[in-house]
Amino acid sequence: MKSRHTAVTLKDVAEKAGVSVTTVSRILNGSDNAIPIREDTRQRVFAIAAKLGYKPNLLARGLRGSASSLLGVIARDITDPFHIQILQGIHNAATRREYRLFLGNVNYRADVAVTYSSMFEQSHADGIIIIGDIEGDEAALDILTNQHRYVVGVTDRVERRKYPGVYADGALGTQLALEHLWTLGHRNIICVSDPRNHDGRLRAEIYQQYMYDHGIEKKAHVFMIPQDPDASYQVGQEIFASFSGTQRPTAIFAASDTFAIYLMQAAFQAGISIPQQISIIGFDNIDITPYVIPPLTTIDQLGVEMGQNAANLLLDMIEQDRESSEVDDVVMQPSLVVRQSTSAPPTR
């Protein structure tokens, strides 16, 4: 047995298994070849590799100038349930193509994104995926794209940037949400959104334009707050505190499902029933939305599929050696999912 300070090599496994180093490499790396390998040989190599404690040195591949099979993922906020869906999709696509992920959570801080970018460069990551854009991140993105040739962004963008991206049509999604409420008969609609990302600002702007186009701009009211429980709950208390007035809202367009769920809790605490007294529609279709009470009407952005598309786009760039300028954005089409949190407004 090797000492714990000495790495087990392919040669060690090959000698123990009584086969060539090439055969061991093909088995452990999953390489295809016209010459078949017997299943009992394959299983023997796997068993010996596990017993010896063999670990593939992906970093060494990068140092030799070949692909490291590592992707760096920089997440704006790993606690965001929609970003978790995207990460799941990235992981699924990457592992199918025999890549592994490094994950960095930056919590809305562009400087931390630069730190992770440098770490991924030192680890010879083949490419970088950025989940969620960060306000004021242009300088950080300049550094990141100078350090890495292959970069793809996913979600929370509204137009082409310095590197290709995969994102949903946020303007269309907002229109679908507002058209749903309008068709039900709602005219007193308020909006809650997050100013810290591009999508949050876009959804608020589309809401205001929609209210103006329908001649009810005087009833437009936007709460721009960070997406966190305390801020959302306080806004909910403010909304529901004056709920006895004749001009009270009959519907809330929440620019994320997380906002919607926080507001549903505030409504419950205030004794306001959904949708009998107020309708709430979210945005994202995160995994929990069918199970909240009542189940949440929302806009589906296909988060898992979005992550898969981003990973495949990046891996195609790497494997085909394509420059960012040669790669188009992938803009996905959102859809309305109607559940039980929306209905016609109450009669006065």
Protein backbone atom coordinates (compact mmCIF):
# COMPACT_ATOMS: atom_id res chain seq x y z
CA MET A 1 0.00 0.00 0.00
CA LYS A 2 1.12 3.54 -0.73
CA SER A 3 1.67 5.85 2.22
CA ARG A 4 -1.02 8.44 2.71
CA HIS A 5 1.43 11.11 1.54
CA THR A 6 2.10 9.40 -1.82
CA ALA A 7 -0.48 9.62 -4.59
CA VAL A 8 -1.65 6.36 -6.12
CA THR A 9 -1.02 6.37 -9.88
CA LEU A 10 -2.55 4.59 -12.84
CA LYS A 11 0.60 2.48 -12.98
CA ASP A 12 0.03 1.27 -9.42
CA VAL A 13 -3.51 0.19 -10.27
CA ALA A 14 -2.37 -1.45 -13.52
CA GLU A 15 0.35 -3.51 -11.79
CA LYS A 16 -2.06 -4.71 -9.12
CA ALA A 17 -4.76 -5.58 -11.69
CA GLY A 18 -2.36 -7.23 -14.13
CA VAL A 19 -3.37 -5.05 -17.08
CA SER A 20 -1.80 -2.19 -19.01
CA VAL A 21 -1.83 1.44 -17.91
CA THR A 22 -3.79 2.25 -21.08
CA THR A 23 -6.52 -0.20 -20.11
CA VAL A 24 -6.77 1.25 -16.60
CA SER A 25 -6.94 4.77 -18.02
CA ARG A 26 -9.73 3.80 -20.42
CA ILE A 27 -11.75 2.19 -17.63
CA LEU A 28 -11.33 4.88 -14.98
CA ASN A 29 -11.74 7.81 -17.39
CA GLY A 30 -14.66 6.27 -19.27
CA SER A 31 -12.89 6.57 -22.62
CA ASP A 32 -14.47 4.96 -25.68
CA ASN A 33 -12.42 2.62 -27.84
CA ALA A 34 -13.04 0.16 -30.63
CA ILE A 35 -11.41 -2.61 -28.58
CA PRO A 36 -13.92 -3.85 -25.95
CA ILE A 37 -12.94 -4.45 -22.34
CA ARG A 38 -14.32 -7.49 -20.53
CA GLU A 39 -16.74 -6.67 -17.73
CA ASP A 40 -14.84 -8.78 -15.15
CA THR A 41 -11.66 -6.80 -16.00
CA ARG A 42 -13.54 -3.53 -15.64
CA GLN A 43 -14.94 -4.50 -12.25
CA ARG A 44 -11.52 -5.75 -11.03
CA VAL A 45 -9.88 -2.43 -11.96
CA PHE A 46 -12.60 -0.44 -10.20
CA ALA A 47 -12.26 -2.56 -7.06
CA ILE A 48 -8.45 -2.28 -6.97
CA ALA A 49 -8.56 1.48 -7.61
CA ALA A 50 -10.98 1.90 -4.72
CA LYS A 51 -8.87 -0.31 -2.42
CA LEU A 52 -5.68 1.58 -3.24
CA GLY A 53 -7.41 4.95 -2.87
CA TYR A 54 -6.76 6.12 -6.42
CA LYS A 55 -7.96 9.67 -7.13
CA PRO A 56 -7.85 11.21 -10.62
CA ASN A 57 -5.59 14.25 -10.73
CA LEU A 58 -7.76 16.64 -12.72
CA LEU A 59 -5.48 19.57 -11.92
CA ALA A 60 -2.52 17.74 -13.45
CA ARG A 61 -4.44 17.49 -16.71
CA GLY A 62 -4.70 21.26 -16.81
CA LEU A 63 -1.01 21.68 -16.01
CA ARG A 64 -0.16 19.41 -18.95
CA GLY A 65 -2.09 21.75 -21.23
CA SER A 66 -5.06 19.42 -21.77
CA ALA A 67 -8.60 19.91 -20.52
CA SER A 68 -8.91 19.73 -16.73
CA SER A 69 -12.60 18.68 -16.94
CA LEU A 70 -13.35 21.30 -14.29
CA LEU A 71 -15.88 24.13 -14.55
CA GLY A 72 -16.03 27.07 -12.17
CA VAL A 73 -19.50 28.27 -11.11
CA ILE A 74 -19.88 31.72 -9.53
CA ALA A 75 -23.31 32.08 -7.90
CA ARG A 76 -24.68 35.47 -6.90
CA ASP A 77 -26.77 33.96 -4.10
CA ILE A 78 -26.72 30.22 -3.46
CA THR A 79 -29.69 30.53 -1.08
CA ASP A 80 -31.99 31.71 -3.90
CA PRO A 81 -34.29 28.74 -4.65
CA PHE A 82 -34.38 29.61 -8.35
CA HIS A 83 -30.59 29.62 -8.52
CA ILE A 84 -30.61 26.19 -6.88
CA GLN A 85 -32.75 24.93 -9.79
CA ILE A 86 -30.25 26.41 -12.25
CA LEU A 87 -27.34 24.84 -10.39
CA GLN A 88 -29.08 21.47 -10.56
CA GLY A 89 -29.35 21.82 -14.34
CA ILE A 90 -25.69 22.84 -14.66
CA HIS A 91 -24.63 19.84 -12.59
CA ASN A 92 -26.77 17.43 -14.62
CA ALA A 93 -25.38 18.61 -17.96
CA ALA A 94 -21.77 18.84 -16.75
CA THR A 95 -21.67 15.34 -15.26
CA ARG A 96 -23.23 13.85 -18.38
CA ARG A 97 -20.28 15.28 -20.30
CA GLU A 98 -17.77 14.11 -17.65
CA TYR A 99 -17.04 17.51 -16.10
CA ARG A 100 -16.98 18.45 -12.43
CA LEU A 101 -17.87 21.75 -10.78
CA PHE A 102 -16.14 24.22 -8.45
CA LEU A 103 -18.76 26.41 -6.74
CA GLY A 104 -18.28 29.89 -5.32
CA ASN A 105 -21.05 31.89 -3.59
CA VAL A 106 -20.46 35.67 -3.76
CA ASN A 107 -23.59 36.98 -1.96
CA TYR A 108 -24.03 39.95 -4.34
CA ARG A 109 -20.37 41.06 -3.96
CA ALA A 110 -18.48 41.71 -7.18
CA ASP A 111 -15.11 41.71 -5.38
CA VAL A 112 -15.70 38.16 -4.15
CA ALA A 113 -16.50 37.13 -7.73
CA VAL A 114 -13.06 38.41 -8.77
CA THR A 115 -11.45 36.38 -5.98
CA TYR A 116 -13.19 33.21 -7.11
CA SER A 117 -12.23 33.94 -10.70
CA SER A 118 -8.56 34.04 -9.72
CA MET A 119 -8.94 30.82 -7.74
CA PHE A 120 -10.54 29.09 -10.72
CA GLU A 121 -7.73 30.36 -12.96
CA GLN A 122 -5.12 28.89 -10.63
CA SER A 123 -7.05 25.61 -10.61
CA HIS A 124 -7.03 25.58 -14.42
CA ALA A 125 -10.81 25.49 -14.78
CA ASP A 126 -11.77 25.03 -18.42
CA GLY A 127 -14.57 27.61 -18.24
CA ILE A 128 -16.77 29.73 -15.96
CA ILE A 129 -20.54 29.95 -15.49
CA ILE A 130 -21.96 32.98 -13.66
CA ILE A 131 -25.40 32.50 -12.06
CA GLY A 132 -27.12 35.86 -11.68
CA ASP A 133 -25.82 39.30 -12.55
CA ILE A 134 -24.63 41.68 -9.86
CA GLU A 135 -25.34 45.42 -9.76
CA GLY A 136 -22.21 47.46 -10.45
CA ASP A 137 -20.27 44.43 -11.65
CA GLU A 138 -18.85 45.79 -14.92
CA ALA A 139 -15.30 46.25 -13.63
CA ALA A 140 -15.36 42.79 -12.07
CA LEU A 141 -16.57 41.29 -15.34
CA ASP A 142 -13.70 42.96 -17.19
CA ILE A 143 -11.24 41.19 -14.90
CA LEU A 144 -13.08 37.88 -15.11
CA THR A 145 -13.31 37.82 -18.91
CA ASN A 146 -9.62 38.75 -19.16
CA GLN A 147 -8.73 35.81 -16.92
CA HIS A 148 -10.96 33.25 -18.64
CA ARG A 149 -11.56 32.72 -22.33
CA TYR A 150 -14.79 30.75 -21.94
CA VAL A 151 -17.49 32.42 -19.84
CA VAL A 152 -21.28 32.03 -19.91
CA GLY A 153 -23.86 33.84 -17.79
CA VAL A 154 -27.23 32.42 -16.80
CA THR A 155 -30.42 34.27 -15.67
CA ASP A 156 -30.99 37.85 -14.47
CA ARG A 157 -29.96 39.67 -17.62
CA VAL A 158 -32.04 41.54 -20.16
CA GLU A 159 -29.68 41.98 -23.13
CA ARG A 160 -26.37 40.87 -24.64
CA ARG A 161 -23.32 41.50 -22.47
CA LYS A 162 -19.59 40.92 -22.96
CA TYR A 163 -20.06 37.16 -22.89
CA PRO A 164 -22.98 34.96 -24.02
CA GLY A 165 -25.83 34.13 -21.68
CA VAL A 166 -28.90 31.98 -21.16
CA TYR A 167 -31.90 33.79 -19.73
CA ALA A 168 -35.68 34.00 -19.94
CA ASP A 169 -37.59 36.80 -21.64
CA GLY A 170 -38.42 38.75 -18.48
CA ALA A 171 -40.53 41.30 -20.33
CA LEU A 172 -42.74 38.57 -21.76
CA GLY A 173 -43.01 36.85 -18.38
CA THR A 174 -44.13 40.09 -16.73
CA GLN A 175 -46.69 40.67 -19.48
CA LEU A 176 -48.08 37.17 -18.97
CA ALA A 177 -48.45 37.75 -15.23
CA LEU A 178 -50.16 41.11 -15.61
CA GLU A 179 -52.43 39.92 -18.42
CA HIS A 180 -53.56 37.06 -16.18
CA LEU A 181 -54.48 39.47 -13.38
CA TRP A 182 -56.12 41.93 -15.80
CA THR A 183 -58.24 39.19 -17.38
CA LEU A 184 -59.45 38.15 -13.93
CA GLY A 185 -60.67 41.73 -13.44
CA HIS A 186 -57.90 43.25 -11.29
CA ARG A 187 -57.18 46.96 -11.69
CA ASN A 188 -55.57 47.78 -8.32
CA ILE A 189 -52.32 45.86 -8.80
CA ILE A 190 -49.07 46.57 -6.94
CA CYS A 191 -45.57 45.31 -7.69
CA VAL A 192 -42.79 44.11 -5.38
CA SER A 193 -39.33 43.70 -6.91
CA ASP A 194 -35.60 43.73 -6.16
CA PRO A 195 -33.52 46.68 -7.46
CA ARG A 196 -30.21 44.85 -7.14
CA ASN A 197 -30.42 42.87 -10.38
CA HIS A 198 -31.24 43.66 -14.00
CA ASP A 199 -34.31 41.42 -14.13
CA GLY A 200 -35.82 42.94 -11.01
CA ARG A 201 -35.58 46.45 -12.44
CA LEU A 202 -36.91 45.30 -15.82
CA ARG A 203 -39.99 43.64 -14.31
CA ALA A 204 -40.80 46.80 -12.35
CA GLU A 205 -40.41 48.93 -15.48
CA ILE A 206 -42.64 46.64 -17.54
CA TYR A 207 -45.25 46.73 -14.76
CA GLN A 208 -45.25 50.54 -14.72
CA GLN A 209 -45.51 50.70 -18.50
CA TYR A 210 -48.38 48.20 -18.46
CA MET A 211 -50.31 50.26 -15.91
CA TYR A 212 -49.70 53.40 -17.99
CA ASP A 213 -50.78 51.73 -21.24
CA HIS A 214 -54.03 50.61 -19.59
CA GLY A 215 -54.81 54.05 -18.23
CA ILE A 216 -54.38 53.20 -14.56
CA GLU A 217 -50.93 54.64 -13.94
CA LYS A 218 -52.29 56.49 -10.88
CA LYS A 219 -52.87 53.11 -9.23
CA ALA A 220 -49.32 51.90 -9.96
CA HIS A 221 -47.25 51.32 -6.84
CA VAL A 222 -43.84 49.65 -6.81
CA PHE A 223 -41.97 48.46 -3.72
CA MET A 224 -38.28 48.06 -4.58
CA ILE A 225 -36.67 46.12 -1.73
CA PRO A 226 -33.98 43.45 -1.25
CA GLN A 227 -35.29 39.91 -1.54
CA ASP A 228 -35.06 38.89 2.10
CA PRO A 229 -37.63 37.82 4.71
CA ASP A 230 -37.50 40.92 6.93
CA ALA A 231 -37.87 43.50 4.16
CA SER A 232 -40.61 41.51 2.44
CA TYR A 233 -42.54 40.94 5.65
CA GLN A 234 -42.36 44.64 6.54
CA VAL A 235 -43.71 45.58 3.10
CA GLY A 236 -46.46 43.01 3.56
CA GLN A 237 -47.39 44.56 6.90
CA GLU A 238 -47.52 47.98 5.24
CA ILE A 239 -49.72 46.71 2.42
CA PHE A 240 -52.15 44.87 4.66
CA ALA A 241 -52.31 47.46 7.45
CA SER A 242 -54.64 49.71 5.43
CA PHE A 243 -56.64 46.90 3.90
CA SER A 244 -60.00 48.33 4.88
CA GLY A 245 -59.73 51.29 2.45
CA THR A 246 -61.66 51.42 -0.80
CA GLN A 247 -58.46 51.89 -2.83
CA ARG A 248 -56.73 48.87 -1.35
CA PRO A 249 -54.94 46.60 -3.85
CA THR A 250 -56.72 43.50 -5.09
CA ALA A 251 -53.61 41.81 -6.49
CA ILE A 252 -49.83 41.72 -6.03
CA PHE A 253 -47.34 41.00 -8.78
CA ALA A 254 -44.29 39.64 -6.96
CA ALA A 255 -41.18 39.64 -9.17
CA SER A 256 -40.03 36.33 -7.63
CA ASP A 257 -41.69 33.38 -5.95
CA THR A 258 -39.60 34.08 -2.86
CA PHE A 259 -41.15 37.53 -2.57
CA ALA A 260 -44.61 36.01 -3.09
CA ILE A 261 -44.17 33.43 -0.33
CA TYR A 262 -42.91 36.05 2.14
CA LEU A 263 -45.95 38.20 1.32
CA MET A 264 -48.28 35.23 1.75
CA GLN A 265 -46.94 34.81 5.28
CA ALA A 266 -47.56 38.51 6.00
CA ALA A 267 -51.11 38.15 4.68
CA PHE A 268 -51.70 35.15 6.92
CA GLN A 269 -50.47 37.04 9.96
CA ALA A 270 -52.76 39.96 9.08
CA GLY A 271 -55.77 37.67 8.68
CA ILE A 272 -56.03 38.35 4.93
CA SER A 273 -57.22 35.37 2.89
CA ILE A 274 -55.69 34.48 -0.50
CA PRO A 275 -57.18 34.69 -3.10
CA GLN A 276 -60.54 35.69 -1.61
CA GLN A 277 -59.30 39.10 -0.47
CA ILE A 278 -56.14 39.49 -2.52
CA SER A 279 -54.52 37.58 -5.37
CA ILE A 280 -50.76 37.00 -5.47
CA ILE A 281 -48.74 35.89 -8.48
CA GLY A 282 -45.04 35.04 -8.36
CA PHE A 283 -42.22 34.55 -10.85
CA ASP A 284 -39.82 31.56 -11.28
CA ASN A 285 -41.90 28.43 -10.49
CA ILE A 286 -39.50 27.21 -7.82
CA ASP A 287 -39.98 23.67 -6.53
CA ILE A 288 -42.04 24.59 -3.47
CA THR A 289 -44.72 26.65 -5.25
CA PRO A 290 -47.21 23.78 -5.77
CA TYR A 291 -47.07 23.01 -2.02
CA VAL A 292 -47.58 26.39 -0.34
CA ILE A 293 -51.11 27.26 0.86
CA PRO A 294 -52.71 28.13 -1.44
CA PRO A 295 -50.57 26.77 -4.28
CA LEU A 296 -48.92 29.73 -5.99
CA THR A 297 -49.75 30.99 -9.48
CA THR A 298 -46.45 31.90 -11.10
CA ILE A 299 -44.35 32.37 -14.23
CA ASP A 300 -42.25 29.33 -15.13
CA GLN A 301 -38.70 30.15 -16.30
CA LEU A 302 -37.62 26.49 -16.59
CA GLY A 303 -34.72 26.89 -14.17
CA VAL A 304 -33.28 23.38 -14.50
CA GLU A 305 -33.45 23.52 -18.30
CA MET A 306 -31.88 26.99 -18.20
CA GLY A 307 -28.93 25.61 -16.23
CA GLN A 308 -28.55 22.67 -18.61
CA ASN A 309 -28.54 25.00 -21.60
CA ALA A 310 -25.90 27.21 -19.97
CA ALA A 311 -23.59 24.29 -19.21
CA ASN A 312 -23.98 22.81 -22.70
CA LEU A 313 -23.38 26.21 -24.28
CA LEU A 314 -20.16 26.64 -22.31
CA LEU A 315 -18.94 23.11 -23.01
CA ASP A 316 -19.65 23.52 -26.73
CA MET A 317 -17.59 26.71 -26.69
CA ILE A 318 -14.71 24.89 -25.01
CA GLU A 319 -14.79 21.79 -27.18
CA GLN A 320 -15.27 23.75 -30.43
CA ASP A 321 -12.84 26.51 -29.40
CA ARG A 322 -15.39 29.25 -30.12
CA GLU A 323 -14.94 32.88 -29.15
CA SER A 324 -17.65 34.68 -27.19
CA SER A 325 -18.36 36.91 -30.18
CA GLU A 326 -19.25 33.82 -32.23
CA VAL A 327 -21.87 32.58 -29.76
CA ASP A 328 -25.43 33.88 -29.57
CA ASP A 329 -27.44 34.30 -26.39
CA VAL A 330 -30.13 31.71 -25.65
CA VAL A 331 -33.38 33.48 -24.71
CA MET A 332 -35.95 31.11 -23.24
CA GLN A 333 -39.71 31.61 -23.37
CA PRO A 334 -41.47 31.71 -19.98
CA SER A 335 -45.02 30.43 -19.46
CA LEU A 336 -47.89 31.06 -17.05
CA VAL A 337 -48.71 28.39 -14.45
CA VAL A 338 -52.14 29.01 -12.92
CA ARG A 339 -52.77 27.64 -9.43
CA GLN A 340 -55.00 28.71 -6.54
CA SER A 341 -53.42 31.99 -5.35
CA THR A 342 -55.22 34.10 -7.98
CA SER A 343 -58.92 34.63 -8.68
CA ALA A 344 -61.34 37.41 -9.56
CA PRO A 345 -61.16 40.43 -7.21
CA PRO A 346 -63.66 40.62 -4.33
CA THR A 347 -66.86 42.56 -4.91
CA ARG A 348 -67.08 45.83 -3.04
